[in-house]
Amino acid sequence: MDQDGAPRSLTRAKAVILETLATVAEANMWDKIEHNGREVWVLPVTAYGPPVPETVWHYIGYVCRHGADAHLEGQSQRFQELVATFRSEEEAREAGYDEGRRLADGLSGVKG
């Protein structure tokens, strides 16, 4: 038992999970822009495994109103591109922003 009364194996498991989450958060950061009164969040993701020089990329993202809790149902509109590939993380991010802007325009009733 640890000092909080939890089994030591549980404490070790929590530490491993927290360490893993910290690593993921550092490696994969969401980026945000604002467009037409909405937030557009994009996360470039590698198509296959960890990044290497010839890595191809996809993106995932969501659009929400400012201050919305995007994790609650109905608070955000999610989108992704997992078929087409991009040659760099930046190219995937920009493609995600473009898709997010189109979606934000549609949600705001702006005709393009």
C-alpha atoms as a PDB file:
ATOM      1  CA  MET A   1       0.000   0.000   0.000  1.00  0.00           C
ATOM      2  CA  ASP A   2       1.138   3.539  -0.697  1.00  0.00           C
ATOM      3  CA  GLN A   3       0.656   6.530   1.624  1.00  0.00           C
ATOM      4  CA  ASP A   4      -2.888   7.102   0.261  1.00  0.00           C
ATOM      5  CA  GLY A   5      -3.912   3.508   0.923  1.00  0.00           C
ATOM      6  CA  ALA A   6      -3.893   2.452  -2.738  1.00  0.00           C
ATOM      7  CA  PRO A   7      -2.099  -0.727  -3.816  1.00  0.00           C
ATOM      8  CA  ARG A   8       1.437   0.007  -5.075  1.00  0.00           C
ATOM      9  CA  SER A   9       0.690  -1.625  -8.441  1.00  0.00           C
ATOM     10  CA  LEU A  10      -2.211   0.803  -8.945  1.00  0.00           C
ATOM     11  CA  THR A  11       0.036   3.753  -8.080  1.00  0.00           C
ATOM     12  CA  ARG A  12       2.655   2.553 -10.592  1.00  0.00           C
ATOM     13  CA  ALA A  13      -0.020   2.091 -13.251  1.00  0.00           C
ATOM     14  CA  LYS A  14      -1.285   5.635 -12.677  1.00  0.00           C
ATOM     15  CA  ALA A  15       2.264   6.970 -12.994  1.00  0.00           C
ATOM     16  CA  VAL A  16       2.787   5.136 -16.293  1.00  0.00           C
ATOM     17  CA  ILE A  17      -0.522   6.442 -17.656  1.00  0.00           C
ATOM     18  CA  LEU A  18       0.275  10.023 -16.637  1.00  0.00           C
ATOM     19  CA  GLU A  19       3.754   9.794 -18.145  1.00  0.00           C
ATOM     20  CA  THR A  20       2.309   8.427 -21.399  1.00  0.00           C
ATOM     21  CA  LEU A  21      -0.310  11.174 -21.569  1.00  0.00           C
ATOM     22  CA  ALA A  22       2.342  13.838 -20.960  1.00  0.00           C
ATOM     23  CA  THR A  23       4.437  12.437 -23.805  1.00  0.00           C
ATOM     24  CA  VAL A  24       1.457  12.332 -26.168  1.00  0.00           C
ATOM     25  CA  ALA A  25       0.476  15.886 -25.244  1.00  0.00           C
ATOM     26  CA  GLU A  26       3.980  17.166 -25.992  1.00  0.00           C
ATOM     27  CA  ALA A  27       4.227  15.324 -29.299  1.00  0.00           C
ATOM     28  CA  ASN A  28       0.702  16.041 -30.555  1.00  0.00           C
ATOM     29  CA  MET A  29      -0.467  19.542 -29.867  1.00  0.00           C
ATOM     30  CA  TRP A  30      -3.736  20.911 -31.142  1.00  0.00           C
ATOM     31  CA  ASP A  31      -3.480  24.222 -32.977  1.00  0.00           C
ATOM     32  CA  LYS A  32      -6.287  26.760 -33.137  1.00  0.00           C
ATOM     33  CA  ILE A  33      -7.343  29.605 -35.384  1.00  0.00           C
ATOM     34  CA  GLU A  34     -10.427  31.774 -35.173  1.00  0.00           C
ATOM     35  CA  HIS A  35     -12.726  32.149 -38.163  1.00  0.00           C
ATOM     36  CA  ASN A  36     -16.161  33.752 -38.496  1.00  0.00           C
ATOM     37  CA  GLY A  37     -16.768  33.794 -34.752  1.00  0.00           C
ATOM     38  CA  ARG A  38     -15.777  30.147 -34.331  1.00  0.00           C
ATOM     39  CA  GLU A  39     -12.704  28.276 -33.160  1.00  0.00           C
ATOM     40  CA  VAL A  40     -11.108  25.847 -35.624  1.00  0.00           C
ATOM     41  CA  TRP A  41      -8.901  23.260 -33.910  1.00  0.00           C
ATOM     42  CA  VAL A  42      -6.592  20.994 -35.957  1.00  0.00           C
ATOM     43  CA  LEU A  43      -4.257  18.171 -35.002  1.00  0.00           C
ATOM     44  CA  PRO A  44      -1.913  16.784 -37.681  1.00  0.00           C
ATOM     45  CA  VAL A  45      -1.403  13.042 -37.176  1.00  0.00           C
ATOM     46  CA  THR A  46       1.090  10.684 -38.758  1.00  0.00           C
ATOM     47  CA  ALA A  47      -0.330   8.200 -41.226  1.00  0.00           C
ATOM     48  CA  TYR A  48       1.892   5.330 -40.070  1.00  0.00           C
ATOM     49  CA  GLY A  49       3.735   5.162 -36.778  1.00  0.00           C
ATOM     50  CA  PRO A  50       6.193   7.701 -35.377  1.00  0.00           C
ATOM     51  CA  PRO A  51       7.539  10.520 -37.586  1.00  0.00           C
ATOM     52  CA  VAL A  52      10.477   9.714 -39.869  1.00  0.00           C
ATOM     53  CA  PRO A  53      11.870  11.823 -42.751  1.00  0.00           C
ATOM     54  CA  GLU A  54       9.361  10.405 -45.304  1.00  0.00           C
ATOM     55  CA  THR A  55       6.352  10.460 -42.983  1.00  0.00           C
ATOM     56  CA  VAL A  56       2.992  11.217 -44.542  1.00  0.00           C
ATOM     57  CA  TRP A  57       0.335  13.020 -42.538  1.00  0.00           C
ATOM     58  CA  HIS A  58      -3.436  13.216 -42.055  1.00  0.00           C
ATOM     59  CA  TYR A  59      -5.424  15.576 -39.847  1.00  0.00           C
ATOM     60  CA  ILE A  60      -8.324  15.575 -37.442  1.00  0.00           C
ATOM     61  CA  GLY A  61     -10.144  18.629 -36.167  1.00  0.00           C
ATOM     62  CA  TYR A  62     -13.269  20.259 -34.881  1.00  0.00           C
ATOM     63  CA  VAL A  63     -15.104  23.576 -35.062  1.00  0.00           C
ATOM     64  CA  CYS A  64     -16.929  25.099 -32.101  1.00  0.00           C
ATOM     65  CA  ARG A  65     -18.228  28.406 -30.785  1.00  0.00           C
ATOM     66  CA  HIS A  66     -15.907  30.413 -28.549  1.00  0.00           C
ATOM     67  CA  GLY A  67     -16.017  29.049 -25.030  1.00  0.00           C
ATOM     68  CA  ALA A  68     -17.911  25.876 -25.944  1.00  0.00           C
ATOM     69  CA  ASP A  69     -17.061  22.623 -24.221  1.00  0.00           C
ATOM     70  CA  ALA A  70     -16.145  20.727 -27.378  1.00  0.00           C
ATOM     71  CA  HIS A  71     -16.316  17.368 -25.595  1.00  0.00           C
ATOM     72  CA  LEU A  72     -20.042  17.643 -24.945  1.00  0.00           C
ATOM     73  CA  GLU A  73     -22.442  16.343 -27.563  1.00  0.00           C
ATOM     74  CA  GLY A  74     -23.720  19.071 -29.851  1.00  0.00           C
ATOM     75  CA  GLN A  75     -21.047  21.603 -28.851  1.00  0.00           C
ATOM     76  CA  SER A  76     -18.680  20.972 -31.764  1.00  0.00           C
ATOM     77  CA  GLN A  77     -18.577  19.682 -35.307  1.00  0.00           C
ATOM     78  CA  ARG A  78     -15.757  17.217 -35.916  1.00  0.00           C
ATOM     79  CA  PHE A  79     -13.959  16.543 -39.192  1.00  0.00           C
ATOM     80  CA  GLN A  80     -10.968  14.552 -40.408  1.00  0.00           C
ATOM     81  CA  GLU A  81      -9.025  13.553 -43.483  1.00  0.00           C
ATOM     82  CA  LEU A  82      -7.709  10.027 -43.096  1.00  0.00           C
ATOM     83  CA  VAL A  83      -7.574   9.012 -46.764  1.00  0.00           C
ATOM     84  CA  ALA A  84      -5.599  11.749 -48.504  1.00  0.00           C
ATOM     85  CA  THR A  85      -2.036  12.180 -47.288  1.00  0.00           C
ATOM     86  CA  PHE A  86       0.121  15.263 -46.907  1.00  0.00           C
ATOM     87  CA  ARG A  87       3.894  15.476 -47.204  1.00  0.00           C
ATOM     88  CA  SER A  88       4.458  17.488 -44.042  1.00  0.00           C
ATOM     89  CA  GLU A  89       2.885  18.259 -40.710  1.00  0.00           C
ATOM     90  CA  GLU A  90       2.434  21.897 -41.782  1.00  0.00           C
ATOM     91  CA  GLU A  91       0.727  20.894 -45.054  1.00  0.00           C
ATOM     92  CA  ALA A  92      -1.718  18.706 -43.100  1.00  0.00           C
ATOM     93  CA  ARG A  93      -2.352  21.507 -40.589  1.00  0.00           C
ATOM     94  CA  GLU A  94      -3.105  24.035 -43.354  1.00  0.00           C
ATOM     95  CA  ALA A  95      -5.422  21.576 -45.121  1.00  0.00           C
ATOM     96  CA  GLY A  96      -7.204  21.054 -41.806  1.00  0.00           C
ATOM     97  CA  TYR A  97      -7.577  24.805 -41.329  1.00  0.00           C
ATOM     98  CA  ASP A  98      -9.040  25.098 -44.847  1.00  0.00           C
ATOM     99  CA  GLU A  99     -11.575  22.358 -44.107  1.00  0.00           C
ATOM    100  CA  GLY A 100     -12.387  23.916 -40.735  1.00  0.00           C
ATOM    101  CA  ARG A 101     -12.933  27.346 -42.315  1.00  0.00           C
ATOM    102  CA  ARG A 102     -15.356  25.844 -44.857  1.00  0.00           C
ATOM    103  CA  LEU A 103     -17.218  24.073 -42.071  1.00  0.00           C
ATOM    104  CA  ALA A 104     -17.317  27.231 -39.908  1.00  0.00           C
ATOM    105  CA  ASP A 105     -18.663  29.214 -42.874  1.00  0.00           C
ATOM    106  CA  GLY A 106     -21.383  26.608 -43.394  1.00  0.00           C
ATOM    107  CA  LEU A 107     -22.333  26.645 -39.712  1.00  0.00           C
ATOM    108  CA  SER A 108     -22.448  30.449 -39.764  1.00  0.00           C
ATOM    109  CA  GLY A 109     -24.549  30.566 -42.935  1.00  0.00           C
ATOM    110  CA  VAL A 110     -21.807  32.223 -45.006  1.00  0.00           C
ATOM    111  CA  LYS A 111     -21.952  31.344 -48.686  1.00  0.00           C
ATOM    112  CA  GLY A 112     -18.592  30.674 -50.318  1.00  0.00           C
END
